[in-house]
Amino acid sequence: MARKPKPKNGMLSQTSGRRKTAIARLTLYAGKGNVRINGLLLNNTEWPDYIKNKIMEPLLLAPEVSAKYDYFISANGGGITGQADAIRLAIGKALVKQEKKLEKTFLAYDRQLLVADIRVKEQYKPNDSKARSRRQKSYR
């Protein structure tokens, strides 16, 4: 039976979340509940409040557990809403990885906290201006 490697520098786990073309990579450390996104504290980002609240949902559902950890998140690709959904998913996965009892709480609140939404924009077709439209045919 293989042994788990010891975490380096207090790191507890790593998870990732995806939404459309946005990817969020999260590293969880023991700490005081700080959330850093691309090096900035969540409160110092220039994102609208509704996006910040969306990111904070998994932390607010389990305040006693989430206050034990620091969250270092790298988010890129997509827009701010896609990144927010990816970050939210990564935080939810990381918390469930640490505390299994949170899984039922998160699933009861919103399934998107633990399960990725795989929908993406349909690709444009060759020699056409849209993803789905086709040239009109005349049969007469």
Protein backbone atom coordinates (compact mmCIF):
# COMPACT_ATOMS: atom_id res chain seq x y z
CA MET A 1 0.00 0.00 0.00
CA ALA A 2 1.46 3.34 -1.08
CA ARG A 3 1.78 6.07 1.51
CA LYS A 4 0.52 9.58 0.89
CA PRO A 5 3.27 12.16 0.43
CA LYS A 6 3.55 14.69 3.23
CA PRO A 7 2.23 18.15 2.35
CA LYS A 8 4.91 20.73 1.60
CA ASN A 9 5.02 23.98 3.58
CA GLY A 10 1.67 23.33 5.30
CA MET A 11 -0.25 22.73 2.07
CA LEU A 12 -3.32 20.59 2.71
CA SER A 13 -4.76 19.97 -0.75
CA GLN A 14 -5.10 21.19 -4.31
CA THR A 15 -8.28 21.24 -6.37
CA SER A 16 -9.49 22.83 -9.56
CA GLY A 17 -12.77 23.99 -11.01
CA ARG A 18 -13.86 24.67 -14.58
CA ARG A 19 -16.69 26.61 -16.16
CA LYS A 20 -16.86 27.22 -19.92
CA THR A 21 -13.29 28.32 -20.72
CA ALA A 22 -12.44 29.54 -17.21
CA ILE A 23 -10.17 27.46 -14.99
CA ALA A 24 -9.53 28.00 -11.28
CA ARG A 25 -6.74 26.22 -9.41
CA LEU A 26 -6.95 26.30 -5.63
CA THR A 27 -4.32 25.49 -3.04
CA LEU A 28 -5.56 25.05 0.52
CA TYR A 29 -3.39 25.89 3.53
CA ALA A 30 -4.08 25.93 7.25
CA GLY A 31 -4.85 29.53 8.15
CA LYS A 32 -7.44 32.11 9.16
CA GLY A 33 -9.95 32.14 6.30
CA ASN A 34 -8.19 34.48 3.84
CA VAL A 35 -9.19 34.17 0.18
CA ARG A 36 -6.59 35.31 -2.36
CA ILE A 37 -7.41 35.35 -6.05
CA ASN A 38 -4.47 35.93 -8.40
CA GLY A 39 -2.50 37.41 -5.50
CA LEU A 40 -5.20 39.85 -4.31
CA LEU A 41 -7.49 39.45 -1.33
CA LEU A 42 -11.08 38.86 -2.43
CA ASN A 43 -12.22 42.17 -0.92
CA ASN A 44 -9.54 44.08 -2.87
CA THR A 45 -10.54 42.74 -6.29
CA GLU A 46 -12.42 45.07 -8.63
CA TRP A 47 -15.20 42.57 -9.22
CA PRO A 48 -18.84 43.53 -8.54
CA ASP A 49 -20.33 42.61 -5.17
CA TYR A 50 -22.66 39.96 -6.60
CA ILE A 51 -19.63 38.09 -8.00
CA LYS A 52 -17.82 38.30 -4.64
CA ASN A 53 -20.96 37.02 -2.87
CA LYS A 54 -21.20 34.14 -5.32
CA ILE A 55 -17.60 33.14 -4.55
CA MET A 56 -18.26 33.38 -0.79
CA GLU A 57 -21.31 31.04 -0.83
CA PRO A 58 -19.44 27.80 0.06
CA LEU A 59 -17.54 29.65 2.80
CA LEU A 60 -20.75 31.04 4.30
CA LEU A 61 -22.47 27.64 4.29
CA ALA A 62 -19.77 26.20 6.57
CA PRO A 63 -18.29 29.13 8.52
CA GLU A 64 -16.65 27.11 11.31
CA VAL A 65 -14.85 24.83 8.83
CA SER A 66 -13.91 27.47 6.27
CA ALA A 67 -12.30 29.74 8.88
CA LYS A 68 -9.58 27.14 9.48
CA TYR A 69 -8.07 27.44 6.00
CA ASP A 70 -6.46 29.97 3.67
CA TYR A 71 -7.38 29.78 -0.02
CA PHE A 72 -4.87 30.67 -2.73
CA ILE A 73 -6.60 30.69 -6.10
CA SER A 74 -5.27 31.16 -9.61
CA ALA A 75 -8.06 31.94 -12.09
CA ASN A 76 -7.69 32.50 -15.81
CA GLY A 77 -9.66 32.24 -19.03
CA GLY A 78 -13.25 33.17 -19.70
CA GLY A 79 -15.03 36.12 -18.15
CA ILE A 80 -15.56 37.12 -14.54
CA THR A 81 -18.79 35.13 -14.15
CA GLY A 82 -17.19 31.97 -15.53
CA GLN A 83 -14.17 32.50 -13.29
CA ALA A 84 -16.44 33.05 -10.28
CA ASP A 85 -18.27 29.78 -10.96
CA ALA A 86 -14.96 27.95 -11.38
CA ILE A 87 -13.60 29.41 -8.12
CA ARG A 88 -16.81 28.53 -6.29
CA LEU A 89 -16.56 24.93 -7.53
CA ALA A 90 -12.89 24.67 -6.52
CA ILE A 91 -13.62 25.98 -3.01
CA GLY A 92 -16.56 23.59 -2.59
CA LYS A 93 -14.49 20.60 -3.70
CA ALA A 94 -11.61 21.54 -1.40
CA LEU A 95 -13.84 21.91 1.65
CA VAL A 96 -15.55 18.58 1.00
CA LYS A 97 -12.14 16.97 0.57
CA GLN A 98 -11.23 18.17 4.08
CA GLU A 99 -14.63 17.61 5.75
CA LYS A 100 -16.78 14.87 4.19
CA LYS A 101 -19.85 15.89 6.21
CA LEU A 102 -20.20 19.10 4.15
CA GLU A 103 -21.14 17.18 1.01
CA LYS A 104 -24.81 16.86 1.96
CA THR A 105 -25.00 20.53 2.92
CA PHE A 106 -23.54 21.69 -0.38
CA LEU A 107 -25.67 19.34 -2.48
CA ALA A 108 -28.83 20.45 -0.68
CA TYR A 109 -27.97 24.12 -1.31
CA ASP A 110 -26.65 23.98 -4.88
CA ARG A 111 -25.30 21.02 -6.84
CA GLN A 112 -22.95 23.35 -8.77
CA LEU A 113 -20.78 23.65 -5.65
CA LEU A 114 -19.52 20.10 -6.19
CA VAL A 115 -20.33 19.10 -9.78
CA ALA A 116 -18.94 20.95 -12.80
CA ASP A 117 -21.27 22.42 -15.40
CA ILE A 118 -19.82 21.04 -18.64
CA ARG A 119 -21.75 23.20 -21.10
CA VAL A 120 -19.60 25.22 -23.49
CA LYS A 121 -20.31 27.46 -26.46
CA GLU A 122 -20.81 25.60 -29.73
CA GLN A 123 -18.00 26.05 -32.25
CA TYR A 124 -18.42 27.93 -35.49
CA LYS A 125 -18.68 25.70 -38.54
CA PRO A 126 -16.34 26.04 -41.53
CA ASN A 127 -17.50 28.34 -44.35
CA ASP A 128 -20.41 29.57 -42.25
CA SER A 129 -21.09 32.67 -40.20
CA LYS A 130 -22.75 31.02 -37.20
CA ALA A 131 -22.49 27.86 -35.15
CA ARG A 132 -25.87 26.39 -36.11
CA SER A 133 -27.19 28.29 -39.11
CA ARG A 134 -27.07 26.69 -42.53
CA ARG A 135 -27.45 28.10 -46.01
CA GLN A 136 -31.03 28.12 -47.18
CA LYS A 137 -31.78 25.54 -49.84
CA SER A 138 -34.22 25.91 -52.68
CA TYR A 139 -35.70 22.74 -54.14
CA ARG A 140 -37.57 24.32 -57.09
